[in-house]
Amino acid sequence: MVRKQQLIDRLQHTYCRLQPSSIHGVGVFAIRDIPAGIDPFYGSGDPDAERFTKEELQDLDPEVLRLIDDFLVFDKDGSVEIPEEGINGLTMAFYVNHSDNPNLTSPDNGLSFRTNREIKKGEELTAEYRTYDPRSRSLISVAA
């Protein structure tokens, strides 16, 4: 019964869904108003991850490498943390698109997010990639 109650708690803190984005491909959208200062992905877990160098990944299929490059953040030293479930374990948070006027902040270099203001139902959740992804430092805005 405890497990069911934990699941109900997570469901009560569900705020988002994936849908087509005018910013880029697929994005994360509010299914109801989201208060300021919360984690909109509550309960999605903090998966264990392993750090890899580019050299350790070089023998992977090129399409898998492309997914890693598209979805994960490489640190300044060129290493990347990969969730223990691999790419198949990506959560909804990995679909947050970039904006120069974001409604999310990341206190820990893209590992989690917090709303920086109230987000209205139907609004896309966005983050400023340059604040946590070194590869985006010279990014020209892709925001709509």
C-alpha atoms as a PDB file:
ATOM      1  CA  MET A   1       0.000   0.000   0.000  1.00  0.00           C
ATOM      2  CA  VAL A   2       2.913   2.377   0.704  1.00  0.00           C
ATOM      3  CA  ARG A   3       4.079   2.017  -2.895  1.00  0.00           C
ATOM      4  CA  LYS A   4       0.606   2.866  -4.222  1.00  0.00           C
ATOM      5  CA  GLN A   5       0.489   5.955  -2.001  1.00  0.00           C
ATOM      6  CA  GLN A   6       3.902   7.061  -3.292  1.00  0.00           C
ATOM      7  CA  LEU A   7       2.638   6.694  -6.845  1.00  0.00           C
ATOM      8  CA  ILE A   8      -0.507   8.714  -6.051  1.00  0.00           C
ATOM      9  CA  ASP A   9       1.758  11.425  -4.594  1.00  0.00           C
ATOM     10  CA  ARG A  10       3.809  11.513  -7.792  1.00  0.00           C
ATOM     11  CA  LEU A  11       0.675  11.679  -9.915  1.00  0.00           C
ATOM     12  CA  GLN A  12      -0.579  14.628  -7.848  1.00  0.00           C
ATOM     13  CA  HIS A  13       2.671  16.401  -8.750  1.00  0.00           C
ATOM     14  CA  THR A  14       2.403  15.729 -12.499  1.00  0.00           C
ATOM     15  CA  TYR A  15       2.492  18.985 -14.444  1.00  0.00           C
ATOM     16  CA  CYS A  16       3.754  18.253 -17.953  1.00  0.00           C
ATOM     17  CA  ARG A  17       3.375  16.366 -21.193  1.00  0.00           C
ATOM     18  CA  LEU A  18       5.345  16.065 -24.413  1.00  0.00           C
ATOM     19  CA  GLN A  19       3.944  17.521 -27.620  1.00  0.00           C
ATOM     20  CA  PRO A  20       5.139  19.140 -30.861  1.00  0.00           C
ATOM     21  CA  SER A  21       7.031  22.394 -30.284  1.00  0.00           C
ATOM     22  CA  SER A  22       7.311  25.479 -32.459  1.00  0.00           C
ATOM     23  CA  ILE A  23      10.779  25.997 -30.935  1.00  0.00           C
ATOM     24  CA  HIS A  24      12.267  22.658 -31.931  1.00  0.00           C
ATOM     25  CA  GLY A  25      10.734  19.243 -32.633  1.00  0.00           C
ATOM     26  CA  VAL A  26       9.220  18.002 -29.389  1.00  0.00           C
ATOM     27  CA  GLY A  27       8.908  20.059 -26.221  1.00  0.00           C
ATOM     28  CA  VAL A  28       7.553  19.892 -22.679  1.00  0.00           C
ATOM     29  CA  PHE A  29       4.238  21.662 -22.031  1.00  0.00           C
ATOM     30  CA  ALA A  30       2.293  22.487 -18.877  1.00  0.00           C
ATOM     31  CA  ILE A  31      -0.946  20.491 -18.538  1.00  0.00           C
ATOM     32  CA  ARG A  32      -1.983  22.820 -15.689  1.00  0.00           C
ATOM     33  CA  ASP A  33      -0.609  25.921 -14.007  1.00  0.00           C
ATOM     34  CA  ILE A  34       2.766  25.240 -12.373  1.00  0.00           C
ATOM     35  CA  PRO A  35       3.747  27.281  -9.301  1.00  0.00           C
ATOM     36  CA  ALA A  36       7.025  29.210  -9.168  1.00  0.00           C
ATOM     37  CA  GLY A  37       9.973  27.626  -7.389  1.00  0.00           C
ATOM     38  CA  ILE A  38       9.166  23.933  -7.810  1.00  0.00           C
ATOM     39  CA  ASP A  39      10.610  20.944  -9.642  1.00  0.00           C
ATOM     40  CA  PRO A  40       8.098  20.352 -12.466  1.00  0.00           C
ATOM     41  CA  PHE A  41       9.518  16.845 -12.964  1.00  0.00           C
ATOM     42  CA  TYR A  42       8.972  15.709  -9.357  1.00  0.00           C
ATOM     43  CA  GLY A  43       9.340  11.970  -8.965  1.00  0.00           C
ATOM     44  CA  SER A  44      11.225  11.404 -12.195  1.00  0.00           C
ATOM     45  CA  GLY A  45      14.089  10.211 -10.070  1.00  0.00           C
ATOM     46  CA  ASP A  46      17.750  10.955  -9.767  1.00  0.00           C
ATOM     47  CA  PRO A  47      19.199   8.055 -11.744  1.00  0.00           C
ATOM     48  CA  ASP A  48      22.662   6.769 -11.095  1.00  0.00           C
ATOM     49  CA  ALA A  49      25.025   7.654 -13.887  1.00  0.00           C
ATOM     50  CA  GLU A  50      28.504   6.791 -15.054  1.00  0.00           C
ATOM     51  CA  ARG A  51      30.977   9.333 -16.411  1.00  0.00           C
ATOM     52  CA  PHE A  52      32.561   8.543 -19.785  1.00  0.00           C
ATOM     53  CA  THR A  53      35.230  10.159 -21.909  1.00  0.00           C
ATOM     54  CA  LYS A  54      34.709  10.518 -25.650  1.00  0.00           C
ATOM     55  CA  GLU A  55      37.406   7.900 -26.169  1.00  0.00           C
ATOM     56  CA  GLU A  56      35.468   5.343 -24.122  1.00  0.00           C
ATOM     57  CA  LEU A  57      32.424   5.851 -26.347  1.00  0.00           C
ATOM     58  CA  GLN A  58      34.144   5.950 -29.741  1.00  0.00           C
ATOM     59  CA  ASP A  59      33.248   2.372 -30.736  1.00  0.00           C
ATOM     60  CA  LEU A  60      29.492   2.868 -30.311  1.00  0.00           C
ATOM     61  CA  ASP A  61      27.221   3.024 -33.349  1.00  0.00           C
ATOM     62  CA  PRO A  62      27.302   6.544 -34.850  1.00  0.00           C
ATOM     63  CA  GLU A  63      23.547   6.954 -34.345  1.00  0.00           C
ATOM     64  CA  VAL A  64      23.883   6.138 -30.636  1.00  0.00           C
ATOM     65  CA  LEU A  65      26.689   8.705 -30.402  1.00  0.00           C
ATOM     66  CA  ARG A  66      24.396  11.220 -32.077  1.00  0.00           C
ATOM     67  CA  LEU A  67      21.689  10.571 -29.456  1.00  0.00           C
ATOM     68  CA  ILE A  68      24.225  11.051 -26.667  1.00  0.00           C
ATOM     69  CA  ASP A  69      25.319  14.326 -28.243  1.00  0.00           C
ATOM     70  CA  ASP A  70      21.712  15.492 -28.754  1.00  0.00           C
ATOM     71  CA  PHE A  71      20.395  14.710 -25.276  1.00  0.00           C
ATOM     72  CA  LEU A  72      23.256  14.792 -22.777  1.00  0.00           C
ATOM     73  CA  VAL A  73      25.536  17.577 -21.550  1.00  0.00           C
ATOM     74  CA  PHE A  74      29.279  17.247 -22.066  1.00  0.00           C
ATOM     75  CA  ASP A  75      31.364  18.915 -19.361  1.00  0.00           C
ATOM     76  CA  LYS A  76      34.225  21.304 -20.116  1.00  0.00           C
ATOM     77  CA  ASP A  77      36.682  18.404 -19.863  1.00  0.00           C
ATOM     78  CA  GLY A  78      34.827  16.551 -22.644  1.00  0.00           C
ATOM     79  CA  SER A  79      33.303  13.905 -20.388  1.00  0.00           C
ATOM     80  CA  VAL A  80      29.614  13.054 -20.158  1.00  0.00           C
ATOM     81  CA  GLU A  81      27.441  11.381 -17.519  1.00  0.00           C
ATOM     82  CA  ILE A  82      25.176   8.683 -18.949  1.00  0.00           C
ATOM     83  CA  PRO A  83      22.197   7.389 -16.921  1.00  0.00           C
ATOM     84  CA  GLU A  84      22.512   3.744 -15.915  1.00  0.00           C
ATOM     85  CA  GLU A  85      19.492   2.956 -18.117  1.00  0.00           C
ATOM     86  CA  GLY A  86      21.276   4.495 -21.090  1.00  0.00           C
ATOM     87  CA  ILE A  87      19.419   6.596 -23.622  1.00  0.00           C
ATOM     88  CA  ASN A  88      16.294   4.451 -23.163  1.00  0.00           C
ATOM     89  CA  GLY A  89      15.976   5.840 -19.625  1.00  0.00           C
ATOM     90  CA  LEU A  90      15.554   9.495 -20.629  1.00  0.00           C
ATOM     91  CA  THR A  91      12.867  11.390 -18.728  1.00  0.00           C
ATOM     92  CA  MET A  92      10.595  14.151 -19.957  1.00  0.00           C
ATOM     93  CA  ALA A  93      13.138  16.717 -18.705  1.00  0.00           C
ATOM     94  CA  PHE A  94      15.478  15.772 -21.557  1.00  0.00           C
ATOM     95  CA  TYR A  95      12.971  17.342 -23.983  1.00  0.00           C
ATOM     96  CA  VAL A  96      13.160  20.845 -22.487  1.00  0.00           C
ATOM     97  CA  ASN A  97      13.983  23.256 -25.321  1.00  0.00           C
ATOM     98  CA  HIS A  98      16.242  26.328 -25.251  1.00  0.00           C
ATOM     99  CA  SER A  99      15.021  29.898 -24.811  1.00  0.00           C
ATOM    100  CA  ASP A 100      16.715  33.228 -24.165  1.00  0.00           C
ATOM    101  CA  ASN A 101      13.763  33.961 -21.844  1.00  0.00           C
ATOM    102  CA  PRO A 102      13.419  30.665 -19.955  1.00  0.00           C
ATOM    103  CA  ASN A 103      10.846  29.760 -17.329  1.00  0.00           C
ATOM    104  CA  LEU A 104      13.140  27.115 -15.790  1.00  0.00           C
ATOM    105  CA  THR A 105      16.523  27.308 -14.106  1.00  0.00           C
ATOM    106  CA  SER A 106      18.939  24.500 -13.379  1.00  0.00           C
ATOM    107  CA  PRO A 107      20.698  24.713 -10.008  1.00  0.00           C
ATOM    108  CA  ASP A 108      23.011  21.784 -10.811  1.00  0.00           C
ATOM    109  CA  ASN A 109      24.249  22.054 -14.392  1.00  0.00           C
ATOM    110  CA  GLY A 110      21.234  20.525 -16.109  1.00  0.00           C
ATOM    111  CA  LEU A 111      20.665  17.601 -13.744  1.00  0.00           C
ATOM    112  CA  SER A 112      17.404  19.060 -12.402  1.00  0.00           C
ATOM    113  CA  PHE A 113      15.143  22.053 -13.016  1.00  0.00           C
ATOM    114  CA  ARG A 114      13.095  24.554 -10.998  1.00  0.00           C
ATOM    115  CA  THR A 115      10.442  26.937 -12.245  1.00  0.00           C
ATOM    116  CA  ASN A 116      11.620  30.553 -12.015  1.00  0.00           C
ATOM    117  CA  ARG A 117       8.057  31.901 -12.243  1.00  0.00           C
ATOM    118  CA  GLU A 118       4.516  30.579 -12.502  1.00  0.00           C
ATOM    119  CA  ILE A 119       4.015  28.698 -15.767  1.00  0.00           C
ATOM    120  CA  LYS A 120       0.536  28.753 -17.267  1.00  0.00           C
ATOM    121  CA  LYS A 121      -1.329  25.734 -18.638  1.00  0.00           C
ATOM    122  CA  GLY A 122      -0.370  25.189 -22.291  1.00  0.00           C
ATOM    123  CA  GLU A 123       2.933  27.069 -22.013  1.00  0.00           C
ATOM    124  CA  GLU A 124       6.152  25.367 -23.113  1.00  0.00           C
ATOM    125  CA  LEU A 125       8.807  24.838 -20.439  1.00  0.00           C
ATOM    126  CA  THR A 126      12.206  26.149 -21.528  1.00  0.00           C
ATOM    127  CA  ALA A 127      15.726  26.577 -20.164  1.00  0.00           C
ATOM    128  CA  GLU A 128      18.721  28.723 -21.088  1.00  0.00           C
ATOM    129  CA  TYR A 129      21.176  26.043 -22.250  1.00  0.00           C
ATOM    130  CA  ARG A 130      24.173  28.379 -22.016  1.00  0.00           C
ATOM    131  CA  THR A 131      23.871  28.420 -18.211  1.00  0.00           C
ATOM    132  CA  TYR A 132      24.818  24.733 -17.950  1.00  0.00           C
ATOM    133  CA  ASP A 133      26.045  23.345 -21.299  1.00  0.00           C
ATOM    134  CA  PRO A 134      29.547  24.505 -22.306  1.00  0.00           C
ATOM    135  CA  ARG A 135      28.840  23.577 -25.945  1.00  0.00           C
ATOM    136  CA  SER A 136      26.055  26.178 -25.998  1.00  0.00           C
ATOM    137  CA  ARG A 137      28.182  29.136 -24.849  1.00  0.00           C
ATOM    138  CA  SER A 138      28.252  30.566 -28.371  1.00  0.00           C
ATOM    139  CA  LEU A 139      24.760  29.382 -29.272  1.00  0.00           C
ATOM    140  CA  ILE A 140      22.733  31.658 -31.482  1.00  0.00           C
ATOM    141  CA  SER A 141      19.198  31.666 -30.112  1.00  0.00           C
ATOM    142  CA  VAL A 142      16.990  28.928 -31.488  1.00  0.00           C
ATOM    143  CA  ALA A 143      13.988  30.251 -29.570  1.00  0.00           C
ATOM    144  CA  ALA A 144      10.920  31.246 -31.518  1.00  0.00           C
END
